[in-house]
C-alpha atoms as a PDB file:
ATOM      1  CA  UNK A   1       4.835  -0.752 -17.957  1.00  0.00           C
ATOM      2  CA  UNK A   2       2.146   1.884 -18.807  1.00  0.00           C
ATOM      3  CA  UNK A   3      -0.746   0.261 -16.743  1.00  0.00           C
ATOM      4  CA  UNK A   4      -1.251   2.068 -13.194  1.00  0.00           C
ATOM      5  CA  UNK A   5      -0.740   0.025 -10.184  1.00  0.00           C
ATOM      6  CA  UNK A   6      -3.959   0.168  -8.507  1.00  0.00           C
ATOM      7  CA  UNK A   7      -2.795   0.023  -4.505  1.00  0.00           C
ATOM      8  CA  UNK A   8      -5.207   0.132  -1.371  1.00  0.00           C
ATOM      9  CA  UNK A   9      -3.794   2.285   1.601  1.00  0.00           C
ATOM     10  CA  UNK A  10      -5.909   0.906   4.722  1.00  0.00           C
ATOM     11  CA  UNK A  11      -5.716   1.929   8.489  1.00  0.00           C
ATOM     12  CA  UNK A  12      -8.023   1.566  10.872  1.00  0.00           C
ATOM     13  CA  UNK A  13     -10.708   4.035  10.276  1.00  0.00           C
ATOM     14  CA  UNK A  14      -9.366   5.200   6.560  1.00  0.00           C
ATOM     15  CA  UNK A  15      -8.531   8.470   7.587  1.00  0.00           C
ATOM     16  CA  UNK A  16      -5.500  10.037   9.590  1.00  0.00           C
ATOM     17  CA  UNK A  17      -2.645   7.261   9.485  1.00  0.00           C
ATOM     18  CA  UNK A  18      -3.636   6.201   6.491  1.00  0.00           C
ATOM     19  CA  UNK A  19      -2.769   9.880   4.682  1.00  0.00           C
ATOM     20  CA  UNK A  20       0.213   9.937   6.143  1.00  0.00           C
ATOM     21  CA  UNK A  21       1.219   6.184   4.361  1.00  0.00           C
ATOM     22  CA  UNK A  22      -0.902   7.284   0.874  1.00  0.00           C
ATOM     23  CA  UNK A  23       2.057  10.245   1.025  1.00  0.00           C
ATOM     24  CA  UNK A  24       4.635   8.599   1.253  1.00  0.00           C
ATOM     25  CA  UNK A  25       3.582   5.843  -1.254  1.00  0.00           C
ATOM     26  CA  UNK A  26       2.482   8.170  -3.508  1.00  0.00           C
ATOM     27  CA  UNK A  27       6.572  10.132  -3.497  1.00  0.00           C
ATOM     28  CA  UNK A  28       8.056   6.003  -3.854  1.00  0.00           C
ATOM     29  CA  UNK A  29       5.929   5.505  -6.924  1.00  0.00           C
ATOM     30  CA  UNK A  30       6.657   9.005  -8.200  1.00  0.00           C
ATOM     31  CA  UNK A  31      10.454   8.731  -7.469  1.00  0.00           C
ATOM     32  CA  UNK A  32      10.558   5.606  -8.788  1.00  0.00           C
ATOM     33  CA  UNK A  33       8.309   6.737 -12.081  1.00  0.00           C
ATOM     34  CA  UNK A  34       5.905   4.298 -11.631  1.00  0.00           C
ATOM     35  CA  UNK A  35       2.275   5.562 -12.516  1.00  0.00           C
ATOM     36  CA  UNK A  36      -0.300   4.578  -9.223  1.00  0.00           C
ATOM     37  CA  UNK A  37      -3.049   4.832  -8.272  1.00  0.00           C
ATOM     38  CA  UNK A  38      -3.907   4.754  -4.391  1.00  0.00           C
ATOM     39  CA  UNK A  39      -7.705   4.555  -3.025  1.00  0.00           C
ATOM     40  CA  UNK A  40      -7.508   4.985   1.246  1.00  0.00           C
ATOM     41  CA  UNK A  41      -9.836   2.406   2.834  1.00  0.00           C
ATOM     42  CA  UNK A  42     -10.672   1.328   6.293  1.00  0.00           C
ATOM     43  CA  UNK A  43      -9.221  -2.295   6.512  1.00  0.00           C
ATOM     44  CA  UNK A  44     -12.280  -3.642   7.166  1.00  0.00           C
ATOM     45  CA  UNK A  45     -13.023  -2.663   3.652  1.00  0.00           C
ATOM     46  CA  UNK A  46      -9.864  -4.697   1.818  1.00  0.00           C
ATOM     47  CA  UNK A  47     -11.643  -8.138   1.471  1.00  0.00           C
ATOM     48  CA  UNK A  48     -14.203  -6.559  -0.439  1.00  0.00           C
ATOM     49  CA  UNK A  49     -11.862  -4.216  -2.559  1.00  0.00           C
ATOM     50  CA  UNK A  50      -8.742  -6.538  -3.185  1.00  0.00           C
ATOM     51  CA  UNK A  51      -9.844  -7.853  -6.862  1.00  0.00           C
ATOM     52  CA  UNK A  52      -9.714  -4.181  -8.223  1.00  0.00           C
ATOM     53  CA  UNK A  53      -5.936  -3.708  -6.531  1.00  0.00           C
ATOM     54  CA  UNK A  54      -2.823  -5.082  -7.176  1.00  0.00           C
ATOM     55  CA  UNK A  55      -1.358  -4.293  -3.850  1.00  0.00           C
ATOM     56  CA  UNK A  56      -2.714  -3.879   0.079  1.00  0.00           C
ATOM     57  CA  UNK A  57      -0.461  -1.583   2.694  1.00  0.00           C
ATOM     58  CA  UNK A  58      -1.972  -1.366   5.724  1.00  0.00           C
ATOM     59  CA  UNK A  59      -0.720   0.314   8.748  1.00  0.00           C
ATOM     60  CA  UNK A  60      -2.862  -1.682  10.858  1.00  0.00           C
ATOM     61  CA  UNK A  61      -3.206  -5.355  11.511  1.00  0.00           C
ATOM     62  CA  UNK A  62      -4.316  -7.851   8.719  1.00  0.00           C
ATOM     63  CA  UNK A  63      -7.709  -9.314  10.173  1.00  0.00           C
ATOM     64  CA  UNK A  64      -7.060 -11.954   6.915  1.00  0.00           C
ATOM     65  CA  UNK A  65      -4.777 -13.118   3.978  1.00  0.00           C
ATOM     66  CA  UNK A  66      -5.906 -11.720   1.205  1.00  0.00           C
ATOM     67  CA  UNK A  67      -4.885 -12.719  -2.959  1.00  0.00           C
ATOM     68  CA  UNK A  68      -3.005 -10.120  -3.790  1.00  0.00           C
ATOM     69  CA  UNK A  69       0.621  -9.288  -2.246  1.00  0.00           C
ATOM     70  CA  UNK A  70      -0.556  -7.082   1.584  1.00  0.00           C
ATOM     71  CA  UNK A  71       2.498  -5.217   3.080  1.00  0.00           C
ATOM     72  CA  UNK A  72       2.376  -4.163   6.436  1.00  0.00           C
ATOM     73  CA  UNK A  73       4.060  -0.545   6.546  1.00  0.00           C
ATOM     74  CA  UNK A  74       3.929   0.968  10.292  1.00  0.00           C
ATOM     75  CA  UNK A  75       7.034   2.020   9.176  1.00  0.00           C
ATOM     76  CA  UNK A  76       6.208   5.187   7.549  1.00  0.00           C
ATOM     77  CA  UNK A  77       4.534   6.304  10.252  1.00  0.00           C
ATOM     78  CA  UNK A  78       7.402   5.078  13.521  1.00  0.00           C
ATOM     79  CA  UNK A  79      10.412   6.028  10.690  1.00  0.00           C
ATOM     80  CA  UNK A  80      11.977   3.102  11.658  1.00  0.00           C
ATOM     81  CA  UNK A  81      12.962   0.672   8.873  1.00  0.00           C
ATOM     82  CA  UNK A  82      11.084   2.457   6.187  1.00  0.00           C
ATOM     83  CA  UNK A  83      14.065   1.513   3.190  1.00  0.00           C
ATOM     84  CA  UNK A  84      13.123  -2.153   3.893  1.00  0.00           C
ATOM     85  CA  UNK A  85       9.485  -1.548   3.608  1.00  0.00           C
ATOM     86  CA  UNK A  86       9.688   0.535   0.282  1.00  0.00           C
ATOM     87  CA  UNK A  87      11.642  -2.041  -1.039  1.00  0.00           C
ATOM     88  CA  UNK A  88       9.039  -4.795   0.091  1.00  0.00           C
ATOM     89  CA  UNK A  89       6.885  -2.556  -1.561  1.00  0.00           C
ATOM     90  CA  UNK A  90       9.312  -1.845  -5.138  1.00  0.00           C
ATOM     91  CA  UNK A  91       9.401  -6.447  -4.861  1.00  0.00           C
ATOM     92  CA  UNK A  92       5.721  -6.789  -5.112  1.00  0.00           C
ATOM     93  CA  UNK A  93       5.238  -3.539  -7.834  1.00  0.00           C
ATOM     94  CA  UNK A  94       7.907  -5.808  -9.888  1.00  0.00           C
ATOM     95  CA  UNK A  95       6.119  -9.129  -9.040  1.00  0.00           C
ATOM     96  CA  UNK A  96       3.219  -7.747 -10.872  1.00  0.00           C
ATOM     97  CA  UNK A  97       4.014  -5.822 -13.447  1.00  0.00           C
END
């Protein structure tokens, strides 16, 4: 697949934790040779931006249901179960390709 996967990375304020997660997501996509375009947002913006994206990755509680796969990525901050979250992200990517 040549099309870039569009990923929203969200946290409460759209600054600190999403920056950490964004780097981990970039690394994951790079290791798997998947082209990606990542946009960092506040979780409050996710509903409005979901139509422009393929996947939502969040470090905070998801306030609603989304039309795209929404993955909770607290593991990237805690370091616990990161492989499980990475697998979930890759499965979501494979499903949309």
